[in-house]
Amino acid sequence: MLYDQAQLALSYVEAFQITRQAVYAETARDILDFALAEMRAPEGGFYSAQDADSLLRHGSTEHGEGAFYVWEAGEVAELLGPDAAAIFNSVFGVEPDGNVPPEQDFRQEFTHKNVLYVRRTIQEAAKHFGKPESELEALVRKARRQLFVARSLRPRPPTDDKVITAWNGLMISAFARASAALDEPRYLEAAAGAAKMIESNLEGAAPGTLKRRYRQGEAAIDGFLDDYAFLIQGLVDLYEADFDSHWLAWAVELQETQDRLFWDSKAGGYFGTTGGDPSVLVRAREDYDGAEPSPNSVAATNLLRLAEMTARKDFREKADRTIAVFARRLETIPEAMPQMIAALDFSLSKPKQIIIAGEPAAADTRALLRLVHERFIPNKILVLADGGEGQRRIAKWLPFFESLTRLDGRATAYVCENYACQLPTSDPHALARLLDSKGEVV
């Protein structure tokens, strides 16, 4: 499922920011590269899913769950040779009789089959086999490539080629934030490409509205709350990665439409559907984080971020009312609403307002941005004062923003809380200290 790929990739990106362990960055790249290779539509958006089942072999009518991905130990040995296979099997959990316990194989589809997983790290395997880590890294890299080539000859799983707005919003977030944290331009291109595809193909008839799905040239079904909330989140994340103020302006426009179509003016929070469909008997307000996050929780965080970026008091008030209407649920079953807890944490914190004044492509600007992107700073906004159209557009919301400039011609960082700023600095070491500081702005 596309939403699984997006959320997992982002979790690994954040784990890498927190720990700086390369394995998390590598895993995030694997997930995102898979999405680019297997799930990207020619128009730039992302397909919704791949089927779990596929044909067992070409020319056969039999199919099985995971058939494209599972391996028998004999297949691995034949491809790699016994010595390399022994190491590969140790790292990825391959067993001679298969590694799926019989009690979990209800339909007996995985007899003698192995689902690859990382049972040992390269470091652990190197110690186990008494070989240098660099040698095992090269061996495993080569072995993975050999299995990848062999797997590509198998019948491919069918793809559900719908492009769903909400799930693409999650994917835009994943690619945008990964591009920044991993310094990977390809991912930024993918995020922007998906956003452009949605803007070109999934806008509704009325300005600022969305359709839910696109397939074979046709956009259909008026957007639901999650389409708006997840796409707004993606656009704000995309702005913080490429600083094209168009994405921020579109996010504000979509937020205004979301408020008009879905807001519960009596109690607060958002209904999942508009009131325009007579077949919907009860308009529910979703609060549970299931396979996807609750759109109300994402919406609350969106409102808080946009309030910081635009100084819109109505956004802040709607965020507070959204959190408040679910307060009882937060008290009784908080484990069901982790995304709303994150929104509450943002609301109660003093978010860092990080402003970089500089030319977007200049080396000194990129150096300051890298310090921000490599850190896990959950409650923050990041804005670029580019001295051009982007700065003028944001200054319409934040008048003080127009006066922020580079010092002595060098890219300059302003770190603020509630628009009260520390002394600006062009020194990367000083910025690092400000970003890591837990104290109050003075």
Protein backbone atom coordinates (compact mmCIF):
# COMPACT_ATOMS: atom_id res chain seq x y z
CA MET A 1 0.00 0.00 0.00
CA LEU A 2 1.28 3.45 -0.90
CA TYR A 3 0.40 4.89 2.50
CA ASP A 4 2.51 2.17 4.18
CA GLN A 5 5.53 3.04 2.04
CA ALA A 6 5.15 6.74 2.83
CA GLN A 7 4.77 6.36 6.59
CA LEU A 8 7.52 3.78 6.94
CA ALA A 9 9.97 5.84 4.88
CA LEU A 10 9.32 8.88 7.02
CA SER A 11 9.74 6.91 10.24
CA TYR A 12 13.14 5.69 9.06
CA VAL A 13 14.15 9.22 8.04
CA GLU A 14 13.29 10.49 11.52
CA ALA A 15 15.11 7.56 13.14
CA PHE A 16 18.18 8.51 11.12
CA GLN A 17 17.92 12.15 12.19
CA ILE A 18 17.67 11.09 15.84
CA THR A 19 20.37 8.41 15.89
CA ARG A 20 22.56 9.20 12.84
CA GLN A 21 22.75 5.43 12.25
CA ALA A 22 23.28 4.80 8.55
CA VAL A 23 21.05 1.71 8.48
CA TYR A 24 17.97 3.89 8.91
CA ALA A 25 18.94 6.18 6.04
CA GLU A 26 19.66 3.16 3.84
CA THR A 27 16.29 1.64 4.65
CA ALA A 28 14.49 4.89 3.89
CA ARG A 29 16.28 5.06 0.54
CA ASP A 30 15.33 1.45 -0.24
CA ILE A 31 11.65 2.20 0.40
CA LEU A 32 11.61 5.43 -1.60
CA ASP A 33 13.59 3.95 -4.48
CA PHE A 34 11.10 1.06 -4.56
CA ALA A 35 8.24 3.57 -4.80
CA LEU A 36 9.98 5.39 -7.64
CA ALA A 37 10.65 2.18 -9.54
CA GLU A 38 7.41 0.31 -8.92
CA MET A 39 4.63 2.77 -8.05
CA ARG A 40 5.26 6.02 -9.89
CA ALA A 41 2.78 7.01 -12.61
CA PRO A 42 4.04 8.56 -15.86
CA GLU A 43 2.28 11.82 -14.91
CA GLY A 44 4.32 12.07 -11.70
CA GLY A 45 1.91 10.87 -9.03
CA PHE A 46 2.03 7.49 -7.30
CA TYR A 47 -0.18 4.45 -7.74
CA SER A 48 -2.13 3.24 -4.74
CA ALA A 49 -0.98 -0.38 -4.32
CA GLN A 50 0.57 -3.56 -5.62
CA ASP A 51 -1.32 -6.83 -5.31
CA ALA A 52 -0.08 -9.26 -2.66
CA ASP A 53 -0.71 -12.18 -5.02
CA SER A 54 1.08 -12.88 -8.30
CA LEU A 55 1.50 -15.80 -10.70
CA LEU A 56 3.87 -18.52 -9.54
CA ARG A 57 5.55 -18.71 -12.95
CA HIS A 58 5.07 -17.53 -16.50
CA GLY A 59 2.49 -19.55 -18.39
CA SER A 60 0.84 -20.75 -15.18
CA THR A 61 -2.61 -19.86 -13.88
CA GLU A 62 -1.60 -20.58 -10.28
CA HIS A 63 -0.84 -17.64 -8.08
CA GLY A 64 0.24 -17.18 -4.49
CA GLU A 65 0.68 -14.53 -1.87
CA GLY A 66 4.10 -12.96 -2.05
CA ALA A 67 5.15 -15.21 -4.91
CA PHE A 68 7.17 -12.43 -6.54
CA TYR A 69 9.23 -11.84 -3.39
CA VAL A 70 9.84 -15.18 -1.62
CA TRP A 71 12.81 -17.50 -2.15
CA GLU A 72 13.69 -21.13 -1.65
CA ALA A 73 17.11 -21.84 -0.19
CA GLY A 74 18.04 -23.84 -3.29
CA GLU A 75 17.31 -20.88 -5.56
CA VAL A 76 19.61 -18.67 -3.51
CA ALA A 77 22.41 -21.24 -3.56
CA GLU A 78 22.10 -21.74 -7.31
CA LEU A 79 22.32 -18.01 -7.98
CA LEU A 80 25.08 -17.11 -5.52
CA GLY A 81 27.12 -20.26 -5.01
CA PRO A 82 27.45 -22.05 -1.65
CA ASP A 83 29.91 -19.69 0.07
CA ALA A 84 28.15 -16.43 -0.78
CA ALA A 85 24.78 -18.06 -0.12
CA ALA A 86 25.84 -19.05 3.40
CA ILE A 87 26.62 -15.45 4.23
CA PHE A 88 23.52 -14.09 2.48
CA ASN A 89 21.31 -16.62 4.28
CA SER A 90 22.80 -15.68 7.63
CA VAL A 91 22.12 -11.97 7.05
CA PHE A 92 18.61 -12.35 5.58
CA GLY A 93 17.23 -15.26 7.57
CA VAL A 94 17.06 -17.91 4.83
CA GLU A 95 16.42 -21.42 6.17
CA PRO A 96 16.72 -24.74 4.22
CA ASP A 97 13.07 -25.63 4.85
CA GLY A 98 11.74 -22.07 4.75
CA ASN A 99 11.45 -19.51 7.52
CA VAL A 100 7.65 -19.11 7.80
CA PRO A 101 6.34 -21.02 10.87
CA PRO A 102 3.64 -23.56 9.89
CA GLU A 103 1.17 -22.07 12.35
CA GLN A 104 1.38 -18.77 10.45
CA ASP A 105 1.04 -20.38 7.03
CA PHE A 106 -2.71 -20.97 7.15
CA ARG A 107 -3.06 -21.78 3.44
CA GLN A 108 0.28 -23.59 3.19
CA GLU A 109 1.54 -21.16 0.55
CA PHE A 110 4.98 -20.73 2.11
CA THR A 111 6.20 -24.30 2.43
CA HIS A 112 9.98 -24.25 1.82
CA LYS A 113 9.72 -20.49 1.11
CA ASN A 114 11.70 -17.72 2.79
CA VAL A 115 10.57 -14.17 3.42
CA LEU A 116 13.79 -12.17 3.49
CA TYR A 117 14.40 -10.00 6.56
CA VAL A 118 17.49 -8.62 8.26
CA ARG A 119 18.36 -11.27 10.86
CA ARG A 120 21.96 -10.10 11.31
CA THR A 121 23.60 -6.77 10.67
CA ILE A 122 26.71 -6.64 8.50
CA GLN A 123 28.74 -6.02 11.65
CA GLU A 124 27.30 -9.09 13.37
CA ALA A 125 27.79 -11.25 10.28
CA ALA A 126 31.40 -10.08 9.87
CA LYS A 127 32.13 -11.09 13.44
CA HIS A 128 30.32 -14.42 12.98
CA PHE A 129 32.23 -15.34 9.80
CA GLY A 130 35.52 -13.73 10.81
CA LYS A 131 35.66 -11.48 7.76
CA PRO A 132 36.16 -7.72 7.32
CA GLU A 133 32.98 -5.65 7.28
CA SER A 134 33.92 -4.05 3.97
CA GLU A 135 34.22 -7.48 2.34
CA LEU A 136 30.79 -8.55 3.59
CA GLU A 137 29.21 -5.25 2.55
CA ALA A 138 30.47 -5.76 -1.00
CA LEU A 139 29.39 -9.41 -1.04
CA VAL A 140 25.87 -8.65 0.23
CA ARG A 141 25.50 -5.74 -2.19
CA LYS A 142 26.45 -7.99 -5.11
CA ALA A 143 24.19 -10.79 -3.90
CA ARG A 144 21.20 -8.48 -3.57
CA ARG A 145 21.75 -7.28 -7.10
CA GLN A 146 21.92 -10.85 -8.41
CA LEU A 147 18.67 -11.79 -6.70
CA PHE A 148 17.06 -8.56 -7.89
CA VAL A 149 17.91 -9.37 -11.51
CA ALA A 150 16.61 -12.94 -11.15
CA ARG A 151 13.43 -11.73 -9.46
CA SER A 152 12.74 -9.28 -12.30
CA LEU A 153 12.23 -12.27 -14.62
CA ARG A 154 9.30 -13.53 -12.55
CA PRO A 155 5.67 -12.57 -13.32
CA ARG A 156 5.13 -9.16 -11.76
CA PRO A 157 2.35 -8.47 -9.24
CA PRO A 158 -0.60 -6.52 -10.65
CA THR A 159 -0.63 -2.81 -9.79
CA ASP A 160 -3.66 -0.83 -8.66
CA ASP A 161 -3.03 2.19 -10.84
CA LYS A 162 -5.38 4.65 -9.18
CA VAL A 163 -3.70 7.86 -8.01
CA ILE A 164 -5.35 8.80 -4.71
CA THR A 165 -4.91 12.37 -3.52
CA ALA A 166 -4.66 11.61 0.20
CA TRP A 167 -2.06 8.86 -0.17
CA ASN A 168 -0.04 10.98 -2.56
CA GLY A 169 -0.06 13.72 0.07
CA LEU A 170 1.61 11.29 2.48
CA MET A 171 4.11 10.33 -0.22
CA ILE A 172 4.91 13.99 -0.97
CA SER A 173 5.71 14.44 2.72
CA ALA A 174 7.98 11.40 2.73
CA PHE A 175 9.90 12.40 -0.39
CA ALA A 176 10.16 16.07 0.59
CA ARG A 177 11.43 15.43 4.08
CA ALA A 178 13.74 12.64 2.94
CA SER A 179 15.20 14.91 0.27
CA ALA A 180 16.10 17.43 2.95
CA ALA A 181 17.36 15.02 5.60
CA LEU A 182 19.31 12.81 3.18
CA ASP A 183 20.38 15.62 0.83
CA GLU A 184 18.92 13.78 -2.15
CA PRO A 185 17.72 15.98 -5.06
CA ARG A 186 15.97 13.04 -6.78
CA TYR A 187 13.52 12.81 -3.92
CA LEU A 188 12.73 16.51 -4.03
CA GLU A 189 12.05 16.18 -7.76
CA ALA A 190 9.68 13.28 -7.02
CA ALA A 191 7.80 15.24 -4.34
CA ALA A 192 7.39 18.28 -6.56
CA GLY A 193 6.40 16.09 -9.51
CA ALA A 194 3.61 14.46 -7.52
CA ALA A 195 2.35 17.84 -6.30
CA LYS A 196 2.31 19.20 -9.85
CA MET A 197 0.46 16.13 -11.08
CA ILE A 198 -2.26 16.57 -8.44
CA GLU A 199 -2.53 20.28 -9.17
CA SER A 200 -2.88 19.62 -12.90
CA ASN A 201 -5.20 16.63 -12.76
CA LEU A 202 -7.02 16.47 -9.44
CA GLU A 203 -8.29 19.98 -8.78
CA GLY A 204 -12.07 20.17 -8.65
CA ALA A 205 -14.37 22.35 -10.69
CA ALA A 206 -14.42 25.09 -8.05
CA PRO A 207 -11.14 26.87 -7.20
CA GLY A 208 -9.34 25.37 -4.22
CA THR A 209 -11.22 22.06 -4.31
CA LEU A 210 -9.90 18.55 -4.88
CA LYS A 211 -10.95 15.33 -6.51
CA ARG A 212 -10.05 12.10 -4.75
CA ARG A 213 -8.77 9.81 -7.47
CA TYR A 214 -7.29 9.86 -10.96
CA ARG A 215 -7.02 6.96 -13.40
CA GLN A 216 -6.44 6.81 -17.13
CA GLY A 217 -7.06 10.49 -17.67
CA GLU A 218 -10.18 10.73 -15.53
CA ALA A 219 -10.45 12.50 -12.17
CA ALA A 220 -13.50 11.57 -10.12
CA ILE A 221 -15.10 11.66 -6.65
CA ASP A 222 -15.09 14.87 -4.63
CA GLY A 223 -12.28 14.90 -2.10
CA PHE A 224 -12.77 13.76 1.49
CA LEU A 225 -11.20 15.30 4.58
CA ASP A 226 -8.11 13.10 4.38
CA ASP A 227 -7.46 14.24 0.79
CA TYR A 228 -7.26 17.84 1.95
CA ALA A 229 -5.45 17.26 5.26
CA PHE A 230 -2.78 14.89 3.90
CA LEU A 231 -2.12 17.01 0.82
CA ILE A 232 -1.84 20.21 2.89
CA GLN A 233 0.71 18.45 5.11
CA GLY A 234 2.62 17.36 2.01
CA LEU A 235 2.64 20.86 0.56
CA VAL A 236 3.95 22.43 3.78
CA ASP A 237 6.67 19.78 3.94
CA LEU A 238 7.47 20.42 0.29
CA TYR A 239 7.75 24.16 0.89
CA GLU A 240 10.21 23.52 3.75
CA ALA A 241 12.32 21.46 1.32
CA ASP A 242 12.36 23.60 -1.83
CA PHE A 243 11.01 26.98 -0.56
CA ASP A 244 8.74 27.53 -3.53
CA SER A 245 6.14 29.78 -1.92
CA HIS A 246 3.54 28.57 -4.42
CA TRP A 247 3.17 25.37 -2.38
CA LEU A 248 2.57 27.34 0.80
CA ALA A 249 0.00 29.58 -0.88
CA TRP A 250 -1.80 26.52 -2.26
CA ALA A 251 -1.75 24.90 1.19
CA VAL A 252 -3.42 28.00 2.67
CA GLU A 253 -6.04 27.95 -0.10
CA LEU A 254 -6.77 24.26 0.50
CA GLN A 255 -6.98 24.86 4.25
CA GLU A 256 -9.59 27.55 3.69
CA THR A 257 -11.57 25.14 1.47
CA GLN A 258 -11.24 22.37 4.04
CA ASP A 259 -12.59 24.71 6.71
CA ARG A 260 -15.54 25.64 4.51
CA LEU A 261 -16.46 22.09 3.52
CA PHE A 262 -15.71 19.98 6.60
CA TRP A 263 -15.56 22.15 9.73
CA ASP A 264 -17.99 21.32 12.55
CA SER A 265 -19.04 24.81 13.55
CA LYS A 266 -20.95 23.57 16.62
CA ALA A 267 -18.46 21.30 18.37
CA GLY A 268 -15.18 21.87 16.53
CA GLY A 269 -13.07 19.45 14.57
CA TYR A 270 -13.70 18.18 11.07
CA PHE A 271 -16.24 15.82 9.55
CA GLY A 272 -14.82 13.26 7.16
CA THR A 273 -17.30 14.16 4.42
CA THR A 274 -19.04 17.30 3.19
CA GLY A 275 -22.69 17.91 3.93
CA GLY A 276 -23.59 17.85 0.25
CA ASP A 277 -24.20 14.11 -0.21
CA PRO A 278 -27.75 13.11 0.88
CA SER A 279 -26.75 9.43 0.92
CA VAL A 280 -24.45 10.05 3.91
CA LEU A 281 -26.73 9.67 6.93
CA VAL A 282 -24.18 10.45 9.64
CA ARG A 283 -21.15 12.69 9.22
CA ALA A 284 -18.45 11.19 11.44
CA ARG A 285 -15.34 12.86 12.87
CA GLU A 286 -12.49 10.37 12.63
CA ASP A 287 -10.00 10.42 15.50
CA TYR A 288 -8.39 6.96 15.41
CA ASP A 289 -4.91 6.41 13.99
CA GLY A 290 -5.25 3.17 12.08
CA ALA A 291 -3.41 2.16 8.94
CA GLU A 292 -3.44 5.87 8.12
CA PRO A 293 -3.26 8.73 10.60
CA SER A 294 -6.48 10.42 11.64
CA PRO A 295 -7.19 13.34 9.28
CA ASN A 296 -8.35 15.39 12.27
CA SER A 297 -4.97 14.95 13.94
CA VAL A 298 -3.09 15.83 10.76
CA ALA A 299 -5.41 18.80 10.25
CA ALA A 300 -4.70 20.10 13.77
CA THR A 301 -0.96 19.99 13.13
CA ASN A 302 -1.40 21.62 9.72
CA LEU A 303 -3.34 24.46 11.30
CA LEU A 304 -0.65 25.00 13.93
CA ARG A 305 2.12 25.07 11.33
CA LEU A 306 0.22 27.39 9.01
CA ALA A 307 -0.63 29.66 11.94
CA GLU A 308 3.09 30.03 12.63
CA MET A 309 3.82 30.73 8.96
CA THR A 310 0.97 33.16 8.31
CA ALA A 311 0.06 34.62 11.73
CA ARG A 312 -3.56 33.60 11.04
CA LYS A 313 -5.30 33.56 14.43
CA ASP A 314 -8.27 31.67 12.99
CA PHE A 315 -5.99 28.77 12.11
CA ARG A 316 -4.68 28.62 15.67
CA GLU A 317 -8.20 28.80 17.11
CA LYS A 318 -9.43 25.95 14.90
CA ALA A 319 -6.41 23.85 15.89
CA ASP A 320 -7.14 24.38 19.58
CA ARG A 321 -10.83 23.55 19.12
CA THR A 322 -9.98 20.43 17.15
CA ILE A 323 -7.70 19.17 19.90
CA ALA A 324 -10.21 20.15 22.59
CA VAL A 325 -13.13 18.28 21.02
CA PHE A 326 -11.12 15.04 21.28
CA ALA A 327 -9.80 15.79 24.80
CA ARG A 328 -11.90 13.10 26.47
CA ARG A 329 -10.63 10.46 24.06
CA LEU A 330 -7.07 11.66 24.63
CA GLU A 331 -7.54 11.19 28.38
CA THR A 332 -9.11 7.74 28.17
CA ILE A 333 -7.36 5.99 25.24
CA PRO A 334 -4.34 8.08 24.24
CA GLU A 335 -2.68 5.06 22.63
CA ALA A 336 -5.35 5.21 19.89
CA MET A 337 -4.43 8.78 18.98
CA PRO A 338 -0.65 9.23 18.87
CA GLN A 339 -0.89 11.74 16.01
CA MET A 340 -3.25 13.91 18.04
CA ILE A 341 -0.80 13.71 20.95
CA ALA A 342 1.87 15.04 18.58
CA ALA A 343 -0.47 17.91 17.64
CA LEU A 344 -1.11 18.61 21.33
CA ASP A 345 2.63 18.62 21.99
CA PHE A 346 3.11 21.16 19.19
CA SER A 347 0.30 23.29 20.60
CA LEU A 348 1.76 23.33 24.12
CA SER A 349 5.35 23.90 23.00
CA LYS A 350 7.13 27.04 21.89
CA PRO A 351 7.84 26.11 18.27
CA LYS A 352 11.13 27.22 16.81
CA GLN A 353 10.62 29.65 13.94
CA ILE A 354 13.74 29.22 11.84
CA ILE A 355 14.29 31.77 9.09
CA ILE A 356 17.22 31.62 6.71
CA ALA A 357 17.92 34.76 4.70
CA GLY A 358 19.91 33.96 1.60
CA GLU A 359 19.91 33.01 -2.05
CA PRO A 360 18.29 29.57 -2.33
CA ALA A 361 21.05 27.90 -4.36
CA ALA A 362 24.03 29.62 -2.73
CA ALA A 363 26.53 27.45 -0.87
CA ASP A 364 26.31 29.44 2.36
CA THR A 365 22.51 29.20 2.37
CA ARG A 366 22.62 25.46 1.76
CA ALA A 367 25.16 25.04 4.57
CA LEU A 368 22.82 26.69 7.09
CA LEU A 369 19.83 24.71 5.82
CA ARG A 370 21.79 21.47 6.14
CA LEU A 371 22.23 22.13 9.87
CA VAL A 372 18.47 22.41 10.22
CA HIS A 373 17.59 19.44 8.03
CA GLU A 374 20.01 17.01 9.65
CA ARG A 375 18.35 17.51 13.04
CA PHE A 376 15.11 16.06 14.34
CA ILE A 377 13.22 19.20 15.41
CA PRO A 378 9.57 18.17 15.47
CA ASN A 379 8.00 21.45 16.62
CA LYS A 380 9.37 23.98 14.18
CA ILE A 381 8.72 25.88 11.01
CA LEU A 382 11.38 26.65 8.44
CA VAL A 383 11.06 29.65 6.13
CA LEU A 384 13.41 31.13 3.55
CA ALA A 385 13.81 34.89 3.05
CA ASP A 386 15.03 34.70 -0.53
CA GLY A 387 15.01 38.44 -1.23
CA GLY A 388 12.55 37.83 -4.08
CA GLU A 389 8.97 36.87 -4.83
CA GLY A 390 8.85 34.18 -2.16
CA GLN A 391 9.80 36.62 0.59
CA ARG A 392 7.31 39.22 -0.65
CA ARG A 393 4.50 36.65 -0.70
CA ILE A 394 5.16 35.53 2.88
CA ALA A 395 5.55 39.16 4.00
CA LYS A 396 1.87 39.64 3.12
CA TRP A 397 1.12 37.35 6.06
CA LEU A 398 4.11 38.31 8.24
CA PRO A 399 4.95 41.99 7.60
CA PHE A 400 8.17 41.84 9.63
CA PHE A 401 9.44 39.19 7.23
CA GLU A 402 10.08 41.78 4.55
CA SER A 403 12.86 43.40 6.60
CA LEU A 404 14.88 40.20 7.17
CA THR A 405 18.09 40.35 5.17
CA ARG A 406 21.53 38.82 4.93
CA LEU A 407 24.24 40.27 7.15
CA ASP A 408 27.35 41.49 5.34
CA GLY A 409 26.21 39.71 2.20
CA ARG A 410 26.28 36.27 3.85
CA ALA A 411 23.41 33.86 4.41
CA THR A 412 21.96 34.59 7.83
CA ALA A 413 19.86 32.56 10.27
CA TYR A 414 17.18 33.95 12.56
CA VAL A 415 15.95 31.57 15.27
CA CYS A 416 12.80 32.82 16.94
CA GLU A 417 10.02 31.85 19.30
CA ASN A 418 6.72 33.71 19.05
CA TYR A 419 8.50 36.03 16.59
CA ALA A 420 11.03 37.08 19.24
CA CYS A 421 14.40 36.28 17.72
CA GLN A 422 17.89 35.56 18.91
CA LEU A 423 20.60 37.73 17.43
CA PRO A 424 20.96 36.75 13.77
CA THR A 425 24.03 34.76 12.84
CA SER A 426 25.91 33.72 9.72
CA ASP A 427 28.15 31.36 11.71
CA PRO A 428 27.17 27.69 11.27
CA HIS A 429 28.57 26.81 14.71
CA ALA A 430 26.45 29.49 16.34
CA LEU A 431 23.35 28.29 14.49
CA ALA A 432 24.00 24.73 15.62
CA ARG A 433 24.09 25.91 19.23
CA LEU A 434 20.82 27.80 18.79
CA LEU A 435 19.10 24.81 17.23
CA ASP A 436 20.26 22.51 20.02
CA SER A 437 19.41 24.96 22.78
CA LYS A 438 16.53 24.02 25.06
CA GLY A 439 16.41 27.41 26.69
CA GLU A 440 14.15 30.38 26.06
CA VAL A 441 14.82 33.02 23.46
CA VAL A 442 16.35 36.10 25.06
